[in-house]
Amino acid sequence: MKLLRDTDTTIADIAARVGYETQGKFSKAFKDVTQMLPSEYRKIQYGK
């Protein structure tokens, strides 16, 4: 969540950085925890 908030790094790059093989797997895991997609979270935080 910090990387999504504090950087302009792509979601795919963040997913790889935190150990996911694909952006899709990262997005599913993120949604399971937060009830929103990483892109939605980023949009809410800073309108990105």
N, C-alpha and C. Protein backbone atom coordinates (compact mmCIF):
# COMPACT_ATOMS: atom_id res chain seq x y z
N MET A 1 0.83 -1.19 0.00
CA MET A 1 0.00 0.00 0.00
C MET A 1 0.88 1.26 0.00
N LYS A 2 1.97 1.19 0.72
CA LYS A 2 2.88 2.33 0.76
C LYS A 2 3.45 2.62 -0.63
N LEU A 3 3.85 1.57 -1.34
CA LEU A 3 4.38 1.77 -2.70
C LEU A 3 3.34 2.36 -3.63
N LEU A 4 2.11 1.95 -3.49
CA LEU A 4 1.04 2.49 -4.32
C LEU A 4 0.79 3.96 -3.99
N ARG A 5 0.88 4.29 -2.72
CA ARG A 5 0.65 5.67 -2.27
C ARG A 5 1.81 6.59 -2.61
N ASP A 6 3.02 6.12 -2.35
CA ASP A 6 4.17 7.02 -2.32
C ASP A 6 5.05 7.00 -3.57
N THR A 7 4.72 6.17 -4.56
CA THR A 7 5.53 6.12 -5.77
C THR A 7 4.64 6.15 -7.00
N ASP A 8 5.25 6.41 -8.13
CA ASP A 8 4.54 6.32 -9.41
C ASP A 8 4.89 5.03 -10.14
N THR A 9 5.52 4.11 -9.42
CA THR A 9 5.89 2.82 -9.98
C THR A 9 4.64 2.10 -10.47
N THR A 10 4.75 1.41 -11.60
CA THR A 10 3.58 0.71 -12.13
C THR A 10 3.15 -0.41 -11.17
N ILE A 11 1.91 -0.77 -11.26
CA ILE A 11 1.39 -1.85 -10.41
C ILE A 11 2.11 -3.15 -10.74
N ALA A 12 2.41 -3.38 -12.00
CA ALA A 12 3.14 -4.59 -12.39
C ALA A 12 4.52 -4.63 -11.74
N ASP A 13 5.21 -3.49 -11.71
CA ASP A 13 6.54 -3.44 -11.09
C ASP A 13 6.44 -3.62 -9.57
N ILE A 14 5.43 -3.04 -8.98
CA ILE A 14 5.23 -3.23 -7.53
C ILE A 14 4.95 -4.69 -7.24
N ALA A 15 4.10 -5.32 -8.04
CA ALA A 15 3.79 -6.74 -7.85
C ALA A 15 5.07 -7.58 -7.88
N ALA A 16 5.91 -7.35 -8.86
CA ALA A 16 7.17 -8.10 -8.98
C ALA A 16 8.08 -7.81 -7.79
N ARG A 17 8.13 -6.57 -7.39
CA ARG A 17 9.01 -6.16 -6.28
C ARG A 17 8.63 -6.84 -4.97
N VAL A 18 7.34 -7.07 -4.76
CA VAL A 18 6.91 -7.70 -3.50
C VAL A 18 6.72 -9.21 -3.63
N GLY A 19 7.13 -9.76 -4.79
CA GLY A 19 7.22 -11.21 -4.90
C GLY A 19 6.14 -11.94 -5.68
N TYR A 20 5.27 -11.21 -6.36
CA TYR A 20 4.24 -11.86 -7.16
C TYR A 20 4.74 -12.10 -8.58
N GLU A 21 4.36 -13.23 -9.16
CA GLU A 21 4.76 -13.57 -10.52
C GLU A 21 4.02 -12.73 -11.55
N THR A 22 2.79 -12.35 -11.25
CA THR A 22 2.00 -11.57 -12.19
C THR A 22 1.25 -10.45 -11.48
N GLN A 23 0.93 -9.44 -12.24
CA GLN A 23 0.13 -8.35 -11.70
C GLN A 23 -1.26 -8.85 -11.28
N GLY A 24 -1.79 -9.80 -12.05
CA GLY A 24 -3.12 -10.34 -11.74
C GLY A 24 -3.18 -11.02 -10.38
N LYS A 25 -2.16 -11.79 -10.07
CA LYS A 25 -2.12 -12.47 -8.76
C LYS A 25 -2.00 -11.45 -7.63
N PHE A 26 -1.17 -10.44 -7.85
CA PHE A 26 -1.03 -9.37 -6.86
C PHE A 26 -2.36 -8.65 -6.67
N SER A 27 -3.02 -8.31 -7.77
CA SER A 27 -4.28 -7.59 -7.69
C SER A 27 -5.34 -8.39 -6.95
N LYS A 28 -5.39 -9.70 -7.21
CA LYS A 28 -6.36 -10.55 -6.51
C LYS A 28 -6.08 -10.59 -5.02
N ALA A 29 -4.82 -10.77 -4.66
CA ALA A 29 -4.45 -10.82 -3.24
C ALA A 29 -4.74 -9.47 -2.57
N PHE A 30 -4.44 -8.38 -3.25
CA PHE A 30 -4.69 -7.05 -2.72
C PHE A 30 -6.19 -6.85 -2.49
N LYS A 31 -6.99 -7.27 -3.46
CA LYS A 31 -8.45 -7.12 -3.34
C LYS A 31 -9.01 -8.00 -2.23
N ASP A 32 -8.45 -9.20 -2.06
CA ASP A 32 -8.91 -10.08 -0.99
C ASP A 32 -8.73 -9.42 0.38
N VAL A 33 -7.68 -8.62 0.53
CA VAL A 33 -7.39 -7.98 1.81
C VAL A 33 -8.12 -6.64 1.96
N THR A 34 -8.13 -5.84 0.90
CA THR A 34 -8.63 -4.47 1.02
C THR A 34 -10.03 -4.25 0.45
N GLN A 35 -10.55 -5.23 -0.27
CA GLN A 35 -11.84 -5.13 -0.94
C GLN A 35 -11.85 -4.14 -2.10
N MET A 36 -10.64 -3.79 -2.60
CA MET A 36 -10.54 -2.96 -3.81
C MET A 36 -9.27 -3.33 -4.56
N LEU A 37 -9.25 -3.03 -5.84
CA LEU A 37 -8.08 -3.29 -6.66
C LEU A 37 -6.99 -2.27 -6.36
N PRO A 38 -5.73 -2.61 -6.61
CA PRO A 38 -4.65 -1.65 -6.40
C PRO A 38 -4.87 -0.34 -7.17
N SER A 39 -5.38 -0.45 -8.38
CA SER A 39 -5.62 0.77 -9.18
C SER A 39 -6.69 1.65 -8.53
N GLU A 40 -7.71 1.03 -7.95
CA GLU A 40 -8.75 1.79 -7.25
C GLU A 40 -8.17 2.46 -6.01
N TYR A 41 -7.34 1.72 -5.28
CA TYR A 41 -6.71 2.27 -4.08
C TYR A 41 -5.86 3.48 -4.43
N ARG A 42 -5.08 3.36 -5.47
CA ARG A 42 -4.20 4.46 -5.88
C ARG A 42 -5.04 5.67 -6.29
N LYS A 43 -6.12 5.44 -7.00
CA LYS A 43 -6.99 6.54 -7.44
C LYS A 43 -7.60 7.27 -6.25
N ILE A 44 -8.05 6.51 -5.26
CA ILE A 44 -8.66 7.09 -4.07
C ILE A 44 -7.64 7.90 -3.29
N GLN A 45 -6.42 7.39 -3.18
CA GLN A 45 -5.39 8.05 -2.38
C GLN A 45 -4.95 9.38 -2.98
N TYR A 46 -4.69 9.39 -4.27
CA TYR A 46 -4.10 10.59 -4.86
C TYR A 46 -4.64 10.94 -6.23
N GLY A 47 -5.71 10.33 -6.61
CA GLY A 47 -6.29 10.64 -7.91
C GLY A 47 -5.39 10.26 -9.08
N LYS A 48 -4.54 9.25 -8.87
CA LYS A 48 -3.60 8.82 -9.92
C LYS A 48 -4.24 7.78 -10.80
